[in-house]
């Protein structure tokens, strides 16, 4: 019965990830269509006083804010990648090496700073283009929604930061998992109004909250000291979709379909 329940949890979590991914694709497509056919509506939203009537894009702003607040106060039905920061989800590995934990933390911190440098350098170019009037509020909002979609592309399909910089085996073990909102709302920093800055600075709060927990309790973030993060105990299984896609795209597997277990 226990194994059946565990399998059901895996299925539910994967369905939840996939449904959220589909929702993000739809949001991006809708904003893209709005950008193409009703670009002035985006400009109106980005420059509209908060006291005016509610627009669909203000609803989108509200959704973004609720998502970030939920990361500050996560409930139990959340991903293992997020819940690993909580004390009640920590199951210590008996006799784990504190020296190995220290080495792991130092290595991950170096890689995290490299990742932050790459991200901020790339978005500095976006900021300069905005200041030079090459990009405008509409393009920055579209870029933000693209980042919003890319967050789940990284989780379910392919993550360049994982592959090229962090080298972590999966999102559950990712040291920078809750940096996502800061990264997706980076373009909002350049727009000086309530909607954009409220999103960006709330994302900074989420980032700082994560970093404080990581600094105070690094043992919760490493599979060598936290049993919850080991593959045998994983209930997210996001890596399965990535592995399936990798197997499908391998030259020797083209035209053969996925290998059977």
Protein backbone atom coordinates (compact mmCIF):
# COMPACT_ATOMS: atom_id res chain seq x y z
CA UNK A 1 0.00 0.00 0.00
CA UNK A 2 2.87 2.35 0.88
CA UNK A 3 4.53 1.86 -2.53
CA UNK A 4 1.22 2.45 -4.32
CA UNK A 5 0.72 5.69 -2.41
CA UNK A 6 4.25 6.79 -3.20
CA UNK A 7 3.67 6.12 -6.90
CA UNK A 8 0.44 8.14 -6.77
CA UNK A 9 2.31 11.07 -5.22
CA UNK A 10 4.83 10.93 -8.06
CA UNK A 11 2.02 11.01 -10.59
CA UNK A 12 0.24 13.89 -8.89
CA UNK A 13 3.43 15.95 -8.65
CA UNK A 14 4.30 15.39 -12.29
CA UNK A 15 0.76 16.26 -13.37
CA UNK A 16 0.99 19.43 -11.30
CA UNK A 17 4.27 20.43 -12.97
CA UNK A 18 2.92 19.69 -16.44
CA UNK A 19 -0.33 21.61 -15.85
CA UNK A 20 1.63 24.63 -14.59
CA UNK A 21 3.93 24.39 -17.60
CA UNK A 22 0.94 24.40 -19.96
CA UNK A 23 -0.54 27.37 -18.10
CA UNK A 24 2.72 29.31 -18.45
CA UNK A 25 2.84 28.54 -22.16
CA UNK A 26 -0.69 29.90 -22.53
CA UNK A 27 0.16 33.06 -20.58
CA UNK A 28 3.22 33.67 -22.73
CA UNK A 29 1.28 33.09 -25.97
CA UNK A 30 -1.49 35.45 -24.83
CA UNK A 31 0.96 38.22 -23.90
CA UNK A 32 2.85 37.66 -27.17
CA UNK A 33 -0.39 38.01 -29.15
CA UNK A 34 -1.24 41.11 -27.15
CA UNK A 35 2.19 42.50 -27.96
CA UNK A 36 1.74 41.82 -31.67
CA UNK A 37 -1.85 43.05 -32.08
CA UNK A 38 -2.57 45.36 -29.12
CA UNK A 39 0.81 46.69 -28.06
CA UNK A 40 -0.72 49.93 -26.78
CA UNK A 41 -2.63 47.98 -24.12
CA UNK A 42 0.66 46.84 -22.60
CA UNK A 43 1.98 50.40 -22.58
CA UNK A 44 -1.28 51.55 -20.95
CA UNK A 45 -0.95 48.93 -18.21
CA UNK A 46 2.69 49.73 -17.48
CA UNK A 47 1.86 53.43 -17.11
CA UNK A 48 -1.62 53.25 -15.55
CA UNK A 49 -2.14 54.55 -11.98
CA UNK A 50 -3.05 51.82 -9.52
CA UNK A 51 -6.38 53.48 -8.68
CA UNK A 52 -7.78 52.94 -12.19
CA UNK A 53 -9.97 50.01 -13.23
CA UNK A 54 -8.59 46.48 -13.16
CA UNK A 55 -7.14 45.10 -16.39
CA UNK A 56 -6.17 41.51 -17.36
CA UNK A 57 -2.51 42.44 -17.02
CA UNK A 58 -3.13 43.68 -13.48
CA UNK A 59 -4.61 40.24 -12.78
CA UNK A 60 -1.36 38.77 -14.12
CA UNK A 61 0.57 41.04 -11.73
CA UNK A 62 -1.60 39.76 -8.87
CA UNK A 63 -0.89 36.13 -9.87
CA UNK A 64 2.86 36.84 -9.91
CA UNK A 65 2.70 38.39 -6.44
CA UNK A 66 0.67 35.49 -5.01
CA UNK A 67 3.16 32.95 -6.39
CA UNK A 68 6.08 34.76 -4.74
CA UNK A 69 4.30 35.14 -1.40
CA UNK A 70 3.48 31.42 -1.47
CA UNK A 71 7.23 30.72 -1.74
CA UNK A 72 7.83 32.68 1.46
CA UNK A 73 5.17 30.59 3.24
CA UNK A 74 5.10 27.25 1.39
CA UNK A 75 2.41 24.74 2.26
CA UNK A 76 2.96 20.99 2.35
CA UNK A 77 1.73 20.39 -1.20
CA UNK A 78 4.80 21.95 -2.81
CA UNK A 79 7.84 20.66 -4.63
CA UNK A 80 10.62 18.96 -2.71
CA UNK A 81 13.01 21.49 -4.24
CA UNK A 82 11.22 24.24 -2.31
CA UNK A 83 10.30 22.31 0.84
CA UNK A 84 13.89 21.21 1.50
CA UNK A 85 14.40 24.59 3.20
CA UNK A 86 11.83 23.73 5.90
CA UNK A 87 12.95 22.20 9.19
CA UNK A 88 10.13 19.64 9.34
CA UNK A 89 11.15 18.24 5.92
CA UNK A 90 14.73 17.60 6.99
CA UNK A 91 15.75 13.98 7.67
CA UNK A 92 19.44 13.88 8.62
CA UNK A 93 21.79 11.28 7.18
CA UNK A 94 23.34 9.51 10.20
CA UNK A 95 27.00 10.44 10.67
CA UNK A 96 27.30 12.68 7.62
CA UNK A 97 30.65 14.43 7.20
CA UNK A 98 30.54 18.11 8.14
CA UNK A 99 33.80 18.59 6.23
CA UNK A 100 32.22 17.21 3.04
CA UNK A 101 29.22 19.45 3.65
CA UNK A 102 31.53 22.47 3.94
CA UNK A 103 33.28 21.53 0.68
CA UNK A 104 29.91 21.13 -1.03
CA UNK A 105 28.69 24.53 0.22
CA UNK A 106 31.85 26.31 -0.88
CA UNK A 107 31.73 24.71 -4.33
CA UNK A 108 28.05 25.55 -4.79
CA UNK A 109 28.54 29.12 -3.59
CA UNK A 110 31.31 29.71 -6.15
CA UNK A 111 29.11 28.36 -8.92
CA UNK A 112 26.13 30.37 -7.69
CA UNK A 113 28.11 33.62 -7.85
CA UNK A 114 29.24 32.71 -11.37
CA UNK A 115 25.64 32.06 -12.35
CA UNK A 116 24.55 35.41 -10.87
CA UNK A 117 27.33 37.21 -12.75
CA UNK A 118 26.29 35.63 -16.05
CA UNK A 119 22.63 36.49 -15.45
CA UNK A 120 23.21 40.10 -14.40
CA UNK A 121 25.67 40.69 -17.26
CA UNK A 122 23.16 39.50 -19.83
CA UNK A 123 20.35 41.57 -18.35
CA UNK A 124 22.61 44.62 -18.07
CA UNK A 125 22.59 44.60 -21.86
CA UNK A 126 18.78 44.62 -21.74
CA UNK A 127 18.89 47.57 -19.34
CA UNK A 128 21.26 49.52 -21.60
CA UNK A 129 19.02 48.88 -24.61
CA UNK A 130 16.06 50.16 -22.60
CA UNK A 131 17.93 53.30 -21.54
CA UNK A 132 18.90 53.85 -25.18
CA UNK A 133 15.20 53.63 -26.16
CA UNK A 134 15.83 50.54 -28.29
CA UNK A 135 13.58 48.52 -25.95
CA UNK A 136 10.50 49.86 -24.20
CA UNK A 137 8.13 48.83 -21.40
CA UNK A 138 6.26 46.49 -23.74
CA UNK A 139 9.38 44.51 -24.64
CA UNK A 140 10.48 44.26 -21.01
CA UNK A 141 7.09 42.89 -19.96
CA UNK A 142 7.20 40.37 -22.82
CA UNK A 143 10.73 39.36 -21.77
CA UNK A 144 9.55 38.93 -18.18
CA UNK A 145 6.74 36.60 -19.25
CA UNK A 146 9.24 34.68 -21.41
CA UNK A 147 11.45 34.26 -18.34
CA UNK A 148 8.34 33.12 -16.45
CA UNK A 149 7.90 30.35 -19.03
CA UNK A 150 11.63 29.58 -19.16
CA UNK A 151 11.59 28.81 -15.43
CA UNK A 152 9.58 25.67 -16.14
CA UNK A 153 11.51 24.90 -19.31
CA UNK A 154 14.55 24.70 -17.04
CA UNK A 155 12.70 22.42 -14.62
CA UNK A 156 11.13 20.02 -17.13
CA UNK A 157 13.08 20.24 -20.39
CA UNK A 158 16.60 21.68 -20.21
CA UNK A 159 18.40 24.05 -17.84
CA UNK A 160 21.55 25.73 -19.23
CA UNK A 161 22.57 26.86 -15.73
CA UNK A 162 22.37 23.31 -14.42
CA UNK A 163 24.19 21.89 -17.42
CA UNK A 164 26.96 24.45 -17.87
CA UNK A 165 27.48 26.07 -14.44
CA UNK A 166 25.93 24.46 -11.37
CA UNK A 167 26.41 20.82 -12.45
CA UNK A 168 23.77 19.67 -9.94
CA UNK A 169 22.04 16.44 -10.84
CA UNK A 170 18.47 17.75 -10.59
CA UNK A 171 16.25 20.66 -9.55
CA UNK A 172 15.51 19.08 -6.18
CA UNK A 173 19.22 19.41 -5.34
CA UNK A 174 19.62 22.84 -6.92
CA UNK A 175 21.29 25.35 -4.60
CA UNK A 176 19.65 28.24 -6.53
CA UNK A 177 16.15 26.80 -6.89
CA UNK A 178 14.34 29.80 -5.39
CA UNK A 179 16.26 32.35 -7.45
CA UNK A 180 13.69 31.90 -10.20
CA UNK A 181 11.49 34.87 -9.35
CA UNK A 182 14.43 37.23 -8.99
CA UNK A 183 15.63 36.12 -12.41
CA UNK A 184 12.26 36.37 -14.14
CA UNK A 185 11.56 39.85 -12.75
CA UNK A 186 15.02 41.31 -13.40
CA UNK A 187 13.73 43.29 -16.44
CA UNK A 188 11.17 44.98 -14.17
CA UNK A 189 13.99 46.77 -12.34
CA UNK A 190 14.44 49.16 -15.25
CA UNK A 191 10.82 50.37 -15.29
CA UNK A 192 10.11 52.96 -12.63
CA UNK A 193 6.53 52.37 -11.50
CA UNK A 194 4.61 50.54 -8.79
CA UNK A 195 3.79 47.39 -10.76
CA UNK A 196 7.31 46.71 -11.98
CA UNK A 197 9.21 47.60 -8.82
CA UNK A 198 6.76 45.76 -6.55
CA UNK A 199 7.43 42.60 -8.55
CA UNK A 200 11.19 43.04 -8.63
CA UNK A 201 11.67 43.96 -4.96
CA UNK A 202 9.32 41.21 -3.77
CA UNK A 203 11.46 38.78 -5.77
CA UNK A 204 14.52 40.19 -3.97
CA UNK A 205 12.82 39.40 -0.64
CA UNK A 206 12.22 35.81 -1.82
CA UNK A 207 15.89 35.54 -2.84
CA UNK A 208 17.16 36.93 0.47
CA UNK A 209 14.82 34.62 2.42
CA UNK A 210 16.23 31.61 0.55
CA UNK A 211 19.84 32.71 1.05
CA UNK A 212 19.34 33.23 4.79
CA UNK A 213 17.94 29.71 5.14
CA UNK A 214 20.74 28.27 3.01
CA UNK A 215 23.39 30.05 5.08
CA UNK A 216 21.85 29.06 8.42
CA UNK A 217 21.00 25.44 7.55
CA UNK A 218 23.15 24.17 4.64
CA UNK A 219 22.64 20.59 5.82
CA UNK A 220 19.06 20.74 4.54
CA UNK A 221 20.25 21.47 0.97
CA UNK A 222 22.69 18.58 0.38
CA UNK A 223 21.70 14.98 -0.33
CA UNK A 224 24.74 13.83 1.65
CA UNK A 225 23.18 15.24 4.82
CA UNK A 226 19.46 15.22 4.01
CA UNK A 227 17.79 11.92 3.15
CA UNK A 228 14.83 13.73 1.61
CA UNK A 229 17.00 14.82 -1.32
CA UNK A 230 18.19 11.32 -2.22
CA UNK A 231 16.73 9.74 -5.35
CA UNK A 232 15.08 6.90 -3.44
CA UNK A 233 12.98 9.39 -1.47
CA UNK A 234 12.21 11.86 -4.28
CA UNK A 235 8.55 12.66 -4.91
CA UNK A 236 9.08 15.27 -7.64
CA UNK A 237 10.68 13.13 -10.37
CA UNK A 238 11.15 16.11 -12.70
CA UNK A 239 14.39 14.49 -13.83
CA UNK A 240 12.39 11.68 -15.47
CA UNK A 241 10.99 14.02 -18.12
CA UNK A 242 14.44 15.45 -18.85
CA UNK A 243 15.95 11.97 -19.11
CA UNK A 244 13.13 10.84 -21.35
CA UNK A 245 13.66 13.77 -23.71
CA UNK A 246 17.43 13.21 -23.72
CA UNK A 247 16.91 9.55 -24.61
CA UNK A 248 14.46 10.49 -27.36
CA UNK A 249 16.85 13.01 -28.90
CA UNK A 250 19.93 10.76 -28.89
CA UNK A 251 20.93 9.89 -32.48
CA UNK A 252 20.78 6.14 -31.85
CA UNK A 253 17.23 6.45 -30.52
CA UNK A 254 15.78 8.53 -33.35
CA UNK A 255 12.85 6.69 -34.86
CA UNK A 256 12.89 4.06 -32.12
CA UNK A 257 10.86 5.85 -29.43
CA UNK A 258 11.70 5.75 -25.76
CA UNK A 259 13.48 2.70 -24.38
CA UNK A 260 11.33 0.31 -22.37
CA UNK A 261 12.20 -0.41 -18.73
